[in-house]
Amino acid sequence: MRRALEVAALTPEGDIPVGAVIYGPDGRELATGTNRREADADPTGHAEIAAIRAAVSELGDAWRLEQCTLVATLEPCAMCAGAAMGARISSIIYGAHEPKTGACGSVWDVPREAPLHKAQVRGGVLETECQLLISNFFAGLRSVE
């Protein structure tokens, strides 16, 4: 999670600071991603999607990320949890819970309820540090208004 926090610090200005890292079965870092929805004007520009795309690219000819772990500073939304299941990611670890859109147990539980592929989920890892990223970002927005 500390690596995901480092990655989140690289999020472009104006985007919600979220970092994601994908590790291979051997523990090697395959890819990272940050939120880039505002920077790229792309509604799918979430950190997890960027990391999944980069991991698949790193592996070359394989789209399946079996036995890989996705680590994200914020609980993945339905789109990102669904993409992780589609990529066959085996484990999802996240920091801060997302009570409005979280799809790894908070609002929905996509990884554990998916009919074809399930993933282990662990949330709340370095939760305080991860939550501070989000709360400081939104506090900064409020102070500008």
N, C-alpha and C. Protein backbone atom coordinates (compact mmCIF):
# COMPACT_ATOMS: atom_id res chain seq x y z
N MET A 1 0.83 -1.20 0.00
CA MET A 1 0.00 0.00 0.00
C MET A 1 0.87 1.26 0.00
N ARG A 2 2.01 1.15 0.61
CA ARG A 2 2.90 2.34 0.61
C ARG A 2 3.28 2.70 -0.83
N ARG A 3 3.50 1.71 -1.66
CA ARG A 3 3.82 1.97 -3.07
C ARG A 3 2.63 2.63 -3.77
N ALA A 4 1.42 2.17 -3.49
CA ALA A 4 0.22 2.77 -4.08
C ALA A 4 0.08 4.23 -3.63
N LEU A 5 0.44 4.52 -2.40
CA LEU A 5 0.41 5.91 -1.91
C LEU A 5 1.42 6.77 -2.66
N GLU A 6 2.61 6.21 -2.93
CA GLU A 6 3.61 6.93 -3.73
C GLU A 6 3.08 7.22 -5.13
N VAL A 7 2.42 6.24 -5.71
CA VAL A 7 1.86 6.40 -7.06
C VAL A 7 0.75 7.45 -7.03
N ALA A 8 -0.08 7.43 -6.01
CA ALA A 8 -1.18 8.41 -5.91
C ALA A 8 -0.65 9.83 -5.89
N ALA A 9 0.53 10.03 -5.33
CA ALA A 9 1.13 11.37 -5.28
C ALA A 9 1.46 11.89 -6.68
N LEU A 10 1.48 11.02 -7.67
CA LEU A 10 1.77 11.40 -9.05
C LEU A 10 0.52 11.75 -9.86
N THR A 11 -0.64 11.69 -9.21
CA THR A 11 -1.90 11.99 -9.89
C THR A 11 -1.87 13.41 -10.43
N PRO A 12 -2.29 13.62 -11.66
CA PRO A 12 -2.31 14.98 -12.22
C PRO A 12 -3.20 15.91 -11.39
N GLU A 13 -2.79 17.16 -11.34
CA GLU A 13 -3.56 18.17 -10.60
C GLU A 13 -4.98 18.22 -11.15
N GLY A 14 -5.94 18.28 -10.24
CA GLY A 14 -7.34 18.34 -10.63
C GLY A 14 -8.04 17.00 -10.60
N ASP A 15 -7.28 15.91 -10.58
CA ASP A 15 -7.86 14.58 -10.48
C ASP A 15 -7.80 14.11 -9.03
N ILE A 16 -8.79 13.33 -8.63
CA ILE A 16 -8.81 12.77 -7.28
C ILE A 16 -7.60 11.86 -7.13
N PRO A 17 -6.77 12.09 -6.10
CA PRO A 17 -5.53 11.32 -5.97
C PRO A 17 -5.77 9.87 -5.53
N VAL A 18 -5.70 8.99 -6.50
CA VAL A 18 -5.82 7.56 -6.25
C VAL A 18 -4.66 6.89 -6.98
N GLY A 19 -4.02 5.96 -6.29
CA GLY A 19 -2.95 5.20 -6.90
C GLY A 19 -3.28 3.72 -6.90
N ALA A 20 -2.85 3.03 -7.95
CA ALA A 20 -3.06 1.58 -8.05
C ALA A 20 -1.77 0.93 -8.52
N VAL A 21 -1.52 -0.26 -7.99
CA VAL A 21 -0.34 -1.04 -8.36
C VAL A 21 -0.81 -2.48 -8.58
N ILE A 22 -0.28 -3.12 -9.61
CA ILE A 22 -0.56 -4.54 -9.83
C ILE A 22 0.74 -5.31 -9.67
N TYR A 23 0.66 -6.35 -8.85
CA TYR A 23 1.79 -7.23 -8.61
C TYR A 23 1.53 -8.58 -9.24
N GLY A 24 2.57 -9.15 -9.81
CA GLY A 24 2.46 -10.47 -10.42
C GLY A 24 2.48 -11.56 -9.37
N PRO A 25 2.30 -12.81 -9.79
CA PRO A 25 2.29 -13.94 -8.87
C PRO A 25 3.58 -14.07 -8.05
N ASP A 26 4.69 -13.57 -8.61
CA ASP A 26 5.97 -13.64 -7.92
C ASP A 26 6.24 -12.43 -7.04
N GLY A 27 5.26 -11.50 -6.96
CA GLY A 27 5.43 -10.30 -6.14
C GLY A 27 6.07 -9.14 -6.87
N ARG A 28 6.44 -9.36 -8.12
CA ARG A 28 7.06 -8.29 -8.92
C ARG A 28 6.01 -7.26 -9.33
N GLU A 29 6.37 -6.00 -9.22
CA GLU A 29 5.47 -4.94 -9.66
C GLU A 29 5.37 -4.98 -11.18
N LEU A 30 4.14 -5.15 -11.67
CA LEU A 30 3.91 -5.18 -13.11
C LEU A 30 3.56 -3.82 -13.67
N ALA A 31 2.75 -3.05 -12.91
CA ALA A 31 2.25 -1.80 -13.46
C ALA A 31 1.68 -0.92 -12.36
N THR A 32 1.57 0.36 -12.69
CA THR A 32 0.93 1.33 -11.79
C THR A 32 -0.05 2.17 -12.59
N GLY A 33 -0.90 2.87 -11.88
CA GLY A 33 -1.83 3.79 -12.53
C GLY A 33 -2.32 4.84 -11.55
N THR A 34 -2.65 6.00 -12.08
CA THR A 34 -3.26 7.06 -11.29
C THR A 34 -4.58 7.46 -11.94
N ASN A 35 -5.41 8.15 -11.20
CA ASN A 35 -6.62 8.71 -11.79
C ASN A 35 -6.21 9.75 -12.81
N ARG A 36 -6.85 9.73 -13.96
CA ARG A 36 -6.58 10.70 -15.02
C ARG A 36 -7.88 11.11 -15.72
N ARG A 37 -8.99 10.99 -15.02
CA ARG A 37 -10.29 11.27 -15.64
C ARG A 37 -10.37 12.71 -16.13
N GLU A 38 -9.98 13.65 -15.29
CA GLU A 38 -10.01 15.06 -15.68
C GLU A 38 -8.90 15.39 -16.67
N ALA A 39 -7.70 14.90 -16.41
CA ALA A 39 -6.54 15.20 -17.27
C ALA A 39 -6.77 14.72 -18.70
N ASP A 40 -7.39 13.56 -18.85
CA ASP A 40 -7.60 12.97 -20.17
C ASP A 40 -9.03 13.12 -20.69
N ALA A 41 -9.91 13.76 -19.91
CA ALA A 41 -11.33 13.88 -20.27
C ALA A 41 -11.87 12.50 -20.65
N ASP A 42 -11.62 11.53 -19.76
CA ASP A 42 -11.98 10.13 -20.02
C ASP A 42 -12.70 9.57 -18.80
N PRO A 43 -13.98 9.25 -18.93
CA PRO A 43 -14.71 8.73 -17.78
C PRO A 43 -14.18 7.39 -17.27
N THR A 44 -13.41 6.69 -18.09
CA THR A 44 -12.82 5.42 -17.63
C THR A 44 -11.40 5.62 -17.10
N GLY A 45 -10.97 6.85 -16.94
CA GLY A 45 -9.60 7.16 -16.54
C GLY A 45 -9.32 6.97 -15.06
N HIS A 46 -9.71 5.83 -14.53
CA HIS A 46 -9.44 5.53 -13.12
C HIS A 46 -8.09 4.85 -12.97
N ALA A 47 -7.51 4.96 -11.80
CA ALA A 47 -6.18 4.40 -11.53
C ALA A 47 -6.14 2.90 -11.78
N GLU A 48 -7.18 2.19 -11.36
CA GLU A 48 -7.20 0.73 -11.51
C GLU A 48 -7.24 0.33 -12.98
N ILE A 49 -8.01 1.03 -13.78
CA ILE A 49 -8.11 0.73 -15.21
C ILE A 49 -6.75 0.96 -15.88
N ALA A 50 -6.10 2.08 -15.54
CA ALA A 50 -4.78 2.37 -16.10
C ALA A 50 -3.78 1.28 -15.72
N ALA A 51 -3.82 0.84 -14.47
CA ALA A 51 -2.89 -0.20 -14.01
C ALA A 51 -3.17 -1.54 -14.70
N ILE A 52 -4.43 -1.88 -14.86
CA ILE A 52 -4.78 -3.13 -15.54
C ILE A 52 -4.29 -3.10 -16.99
N ARG A 53 -4.55 -2.01 -17.69
CA ARG A 53 -4.09 -1.89 -19.08
C ARG A 53 -2.57 -2.00 -19.17
N ALA A 54 -1.88 -1.34 -18.25
CA ALA A 54 -0.41 -1.36 -18.28
C ALA A 54 0.13 -2.75 -17.93
N ALA A 55 -0.52 -3.45 -17.01
CA ALA A 55 -0.07 -4.79 -16.64
C ALA A 55 -0.24 -5.76 -17.80
N VAL A 56 -1.36 -5.67 -18.48
CA VAL A 56 -1.59 -6.53 -19.64
C VAL A 56 -0.54 -6.24 -20.71
N SER A 57 -0.24 -4.96 -20.92
CA SER A 57 0.78 -4.58 -21.88
C SER A 57 2.15 -5.12 -21.48
N GLU A 58 2.44 -5.06 -20.20
CA GLU A 58 3.72 -5.57 -19.68
C GLU A 58 3.86 -7.07 -19.93
N LEU A 59 2.77 -7.79 -19.79
CA LEU A 59 2.82 -9.24 -19.98
C LEU A 59 2.84 -9.64 -21.45
N GLY A 60 2.50 -8.70 -22.32
CA GLY A 60 2.60 -8.97 -23.75
C GLY A 60 1.36 -9.57 -24.35
N ASP A 61 1.30 -10.87 -24.45
CA ASP A 61 0.22 -11.51 -25.18
C ASP A 61 -0.89 -12.06 -24.30
N ALA A 62 -0.88 -11.77 -23.02
CA ALA A 62 -1.87 -12.34 -22.12
C ALA A 62 -2.74 -11.24 -21.50
N TRP A 63 -4.05 -11.40 -21.61
CA TRP A 63 -4.94 -10.43 -20.96
C TRP A 63 -5.34 -10.90 -19.58
N ARG A 64 -5.10 -12.16 -19.29
CA ARG A 64 -5.47 -12.70 -17.97
C ARG A 64 -4.39 -12.36 -16.95
N LEU A 65 -4.82 -11.76 -15.86
CA LEU A 65 -3.91 -11.41 -14.78
C LEU A 65 -4.12 -12.35 -13.59
N GLU A 66 -4.24 -13.63 -13.90
CA GLU A 66 -4.47 -14.65 -12.87
C GLU A 66 -3.31 -14.66 -11.88
N GLN A 67 -3.65 -14.85 -10.63
CA GLN A 67 -2.68 -14.86 -9.53
C GLN A 67 -2.01 -13.51 -9.31
N CYS A 68 -2.56 -12.45 -9.89
CA CYS A 68 -2.04 -11.10 -9.68
C CYS A 68 -2.85 -10.41 -8.59
N THR A 69 -2.24 -9.41 -7.99
CA THR A 69 -2.88 -8.64 -6.92
C THR A 69 -2.97 -7.19 -7.34
N LEU A 70 -4.14 -6.62 -7.16
CA LEU A 70 -4.38 -5.20 -7.39
C LEU A 70 -4.39 -4.51 -6.04
N VAL A 71 -3.57 -3.50 -5.87
CA VAL A 71 -3.52 -2.71 -4.64
C VAL A 71 -3.93 -1.29 -5.01
N ALA A 72 -4.94 -0.74 -4.35
CA ALA A 72 -5.43 0.60 -4.65
C ALA A 72 -5.65 1.37 -3.36
N THR A 73 -5.41 2.67 -3.41
CA THR A 73 -5.56 3.49 -2.22
C THR A 73 -7.02 3.72 -1.85
N LEU A 74 -7.93 3.55 -2.80
CA LEU A 74 -9.36 3.75 -2.56
C LEU A 74 -10.11 2.51 -3.05
N GLU A 75 -11.14 2.14 -2.34
CA GLU A 75 -11.96 0.99 -2.73
C GLU A 75 -12.44 1.14 -4.17
N PRO A 76 -12.18 0.15 -5.01
CA PRO A 76 -12.60 0.25 -6.41
C PRO A 76 -14.11 0.40 -6.58
N CYS A 77 -14.49 1.17 -7.60
CA CYS A 77 -15.89 1.35 -7.96
C CYS A 77 -16.35 0.11 -8.75
N ALA A 78 -17.61 0.10 -9.17
CA ALA A 78 -18.15 -1.04 -9.91
C ALA A 78 -17.42 -1.27 -11.23
N MET A 79 -17.08 -0.19 -11.93
CA MET A 79 -16.36 -0.33 -13.20
C MET A 79 -15.00 -0.98 -12.97
N CYS A 80 -14.27 -0.50 -11.97
CA CYS A 80 -12.92 -1.00 -11.73
C CYS A 80 -12.93 -2.42 -11.15
N ALA A 81 -13.87 -2.69 -10.26
CA ALA A 81 -13.99 -4.05 -9.72
C ALA A 81 -14.38 -5.01 -10.83
N GLY A 82 -15.28 -4.58 -11.71
CA GLY A 82 -15.67 -5.41 -12.85
C GLY A 82 -14.51 -5.66 -13.80
N ALA A 83 -13.71 -4.64 -14.04
CA ALA A 83 -12.53 -4.80 -14.90
C ALA A 83 -11.53 -5.76 -14.27
N ALA A 84 -11.37 -5.66 -12.96
CA ALA A 84 -10.46 -6.58 -12.26
C ALA A 84 -10.95 -8.02 -12.40
N MET A 85 -12.27 -8.23 -12.30
CA MET A 85 -12.81 -9.58 -12.46
C MET A 85 -12.65 -10.04 -13.90
N GLY A 86 -12.88 -9.15 -14.86
CA GLY A 86 -12.71 -9.50 -16.26
C GLY A 86 -11.27 -9.87 -16.59
N ALA A 87 -10.33 -9.25 -15.89
CA ALA A 87 -8.91 -9.54 -16.09
C ALA A 87 -8.45 -10.75 -15.27
N ARG A 88 -9.34 -11.29 -14.48
CA ARG A 88 -9.07 -12.48 -13.66
C ARG A 88 -8.09 -12.21 -12.52
N ILE A 89 -8.06 -10.97 -12.03
CA ILE A 89 -7.21 -10.64 -10.88
C ILE A 89 -7.67 -11.47 -9.68
N SER A 90 -6.74 -12.02 -8.94
CA SER A 90 -7.06 -12.95 -7.86
C SER A 90 -7.28 -12.28 -6.51
N SER A 91 -6.67 -11.12 -6.31
CA SER A 91 -6.72 -10.49 -5.01
C SER A 91 -6.77 -8.97 -5.16
N ILE A 92 -7.63 -8.35 -4.38
CA ILE A 92 -7.75 -6.89 -4.36
C ILE A 92 -7.50 -6.42 -2.94
N ILE A 93 -6.58 -5.49 -2.80
CA ILE A 93 -6.28 -4.89 -1.50
C ILE A 93 -6.50 -3.40 -1.67
N TYR A 94 -7.26 -2.79 -0.76
CA TYR A 94 -7.48 -1.35 -0.87
C TYR A 94 -7.33 -0.68 0.49
N GLY A 95 -7.14 0.63 0.44
CA GLY A 95 -6.94 1.41 1.65
C GLY A 95 -8.23 1.97 2.21
N ALA A 96 -8.68 3.09 1.67
CA ALA A 96 -9.86 3.78 2.18
C ALA A 96 -11.14 3.17 1.63
N HIS A 97 -12.12 3.01 2.49
CA HIS A 97 -13.44 2.56 2.05
C HIS A 97 -14.12 3.72 1.31
N GLU A 98 -14.96 3.38 0.34
CA GLU A 98 -15.70 4.38 -0.44
C GLU A 98 -17.19 4.13 -0.23
N PRO A 99 -17.79 4.82 0.76
CA PRO A 99 -19.19 4.53 1.12
C PRO A 99 -20.22 4.93 0.07
N LYS A 100 -19.85 5.72 -0.93
CA LYS A 100 -20.80 6.14 -1.95
C LYS A 100 -20.76 5.28 -3.20
N THR A 101 -19.58 4.80 -3.58
CA THR A 101 -19.46 4.06 -4.84
C THR A 101 -18.63 2.79 -4.73
N GLY A 102 -18.21 2.43 -3.55
CA GLY A 102 -17.33 1.27 -3.37
C GLY A 102 -18.00 -0.03 -3.78
N ALA A 103 -17.29 -0.83 -4.57
CA ALA A 103 -17.86 -2.08 -5.08
C ALA A 103 -17.07 -3.30 -4.62
N CYS A 104 -16.39 -3.16 -3.49
CA CYS A 104 -15.68 -4.29 -2.90
C CYS A 104 -16.15 -4.51 -1.47
N GLY A 105 -17.44 -4.23 -1.26
CA GLY A 105 -18.05 -4.47 0.04
C GLY A 105 -18.84 -3.31 0.61
N SER A 106 -18.54 -2.07 0.22
CA SER A 106 -19.24 -0.93 0.82
C SER A 106 -20.66 -0.75 0.28
N VAL A 107 -20.81 -0.65 -1.02
CA VAL A 107 -22.13 -0.50 -1.64
C VAL A 107 -22.50 -1.80 -2.35
N TRP A 108 -21.59 -2.31 -3.14
CA TRP A 108 -21.73 -3.59 -3.83
C TRP A 108 -20.54 -4.45 -3.44
N ASP A 109 -20.58 -5.71 -3.83
CA ASP A 109 -19.46 -6.61 -3.55
C ASP A 109 -19.16 -7.44 -4.80
N VAL A 110 -18.74 -6.76 -5.84
CA VAL A 110 -18.52 -7.39 -7.14
C VAL A 110 -17.52 -8.55 -7.07
N PRO A 111 -16.36 -8.40 -6.42
CA PRO A 111 -15.37 -9.49 -6.47
C PRO A 111 -15.82 -10.79 -5.80
N ARG A 112 -16.68 -10.69 -4.80
CA ARG A 112 -17.10 -11.89 -4.09
C ARG A 112 -18.40 -12.46 -4.63
N GLU A 113 -19.14 -11.66 -5.41
CA GLU A 113 -20.42 -12.11 -5.91
C GLU A 113 -20.41 -12.40 -7.41
N ALA A 114 -19.31 -12.14 -8.07
CA ALA A 114 -19.24 -12.40 -9.51
C ALA A 114 -19.49 -13.89 -9.77
N PRO A 115 -20.31 -14.21 -10.76
CA PRO A 115 -20.66 -15.62 -10.97
C PRO A 115 -19.55 -16.49 -11.55
N LEU A 116 -18.64 -15.91 -12.32
CA LEU A 116 -17.63 -16.72 -12.99
C LEU A 116 -16.25 -16.67 -12.34
N HIS A 117 -15.91 -15.55 -11.78
CA HIS A 117 -14.58 -15.39 -11.21
C HIS A 117 -14.70 -14.58 -9.93
N LYS A 118 -14.08 -15.04 -8.89
CA LYS A 118 -14.12 -14.32 -7.62
C LYS A 118 -12.70 -13.94 -7.22
N ALA A 119 -12.59 -12.93 -6.38
CA ALA A 119 -11.28 -12.50 -5.90
C ALA A 119 -11.34 -12.32 -4.39
N GLN A 120 -10.22 -12.54 -3.76
CA GLN A 120 -10.11 -12.24 -2.34
C GLN A 120 -10.01 -10.73 -2.20
N VAL A 121 -10.60 -10.19 -1.14
CA VAL A 121 -10.59 -8.74 -0.93
C VAL A 121 -10.15 -8.46 0.50
N ARG A 122 -9.30 -7.47 0.63
CA ARG A 122 -8.89 -6.99 1.95
C ARG A 122 -8.91 -5.47 1.91
N GLY A 123 -9.72 -4.86 2.75
CA GLY A 123 -9.83 -3.41 2.78
C GLY A 123 -9.32 -2.83 4.08
N GLY A 124 -9.13 -1.52 4.07
CA GLY A 124 -8.71 -0.82 5.27
C GLY A 124 -7.22 -0.84 5.55
N VAL A 125 -6.42 -1.20 4.56
CA VAL A 125 -4.96 -1.24 4.73
C VAL A 125 -4.41 0.19 4.64
N LEU A 126 -3.74 0.63 5.69
CA LEU A 126 -3.26 2.02 5.80
C LEU A 126 -4.41 2.99 5.51
N GLU A 127 -5.55 2.65 6.06
CA GLU A 127 -6.77 3.41 5.76
C GLU A 127 -6.66 4.89 6.10
N THR A 128 -6.06 5.23 7.22
CA THR A 128 -5.96 6.63 7.61
C THR A 128 -5.17 7.43 6.59
N GLU A 129 -4.01 6.92 6.18
CA GLU A 129 -3.20 7.61 5.19
C GLU A 129 -3.92 7.75 3.86
N CYS A 130 -4.60 6.69 3.45
CA CYS A 130 -5.33 6.72 2.19
C CYS A 130 -6.52 7.67 2.24
N GLN A 131 -7.22 7.69 3.36
CA GLN A 131 -8.37 8.59 3.51
C GLN A 131 -7.92 10.05 3.53
N LEU A 132 -6.76 10.30 4.13
CA LEU A 132 -6.23 11.67 4.17
C LEU A 132 -5.98 12.22 2.76
N LEU A 133 -5.52 11.38 1.86
CA LEU A 133 -5.33 11.82 0.47
C LEU A 133 -6.63 12.40 -0.09
N ILE A 134 -7.70 11.67 0.12
CA ILE A 134 -9.00 12.07 -0.43
C ILE A 134 -9.54 13.30 0.30
N SER A 135 -9.53 13.26 1.62
CA SER A 135 -10.10 14.38 2.38
C SER A 135 -9.30 15.66 2.16
N ASN A 136 -7.98 15.57 2.05
CA ASN A 136 -7.17 16.77 1.78
C ASN A 136 -7.46 17.32 0.39
N PHE A 137 -7.66 16.44 -0.59
CA PHE A 137 -7.99 16.89 -1.93
C PHE A 137 -9.30 17.68 -1.93
N PHE A 138 -10.33 17.12 -1.31
CA PHE A 138 -11.63 17.81 -1.31
C PHE A 138 -11.62 19.05 -0.42
N ALA A 139 -10.84 19.04 0.64
CA ALA A 139 -10.70 20.24 1.47
C ALA A 139 -10.07 21.35 0.66
N GLY A 140 -9.10 21.01 -0.18
CA GLY A 140 -8.46 22.00 -1.05
C GLY A 140 -9.44 22.58 -2.06
N LEU A 141 -10.32 21.75 -2.58
CA LEU A 141 -11.34 22.24 -3.51
C LEU A 141 -12.30 23.20 -2.83
N ARG A 142 -12.70 22.86 -1.61
CA ARG A 142 -13.63 23.73 -0.88
C ARG A 142 -13.00 25.07 -0.55
N SER A 143 -11.70 25.10 -0.26
CA SER A 143 -11.05 26.35 0.10
C SER A 143 -10.90 27.28 -1.09
N VAL A 144 -10.91 26.72 -2.30
CA VAL A 144 -10.81 27.51 -3.53
C VAL A 144 -12.14 28.17 -3.85
N GLU A 145 -13.22 27.49 -3.51
CA GLU A 145 -14.56 28.00 -3.87
C GLU A 145 -14.92 29.18 -3.10
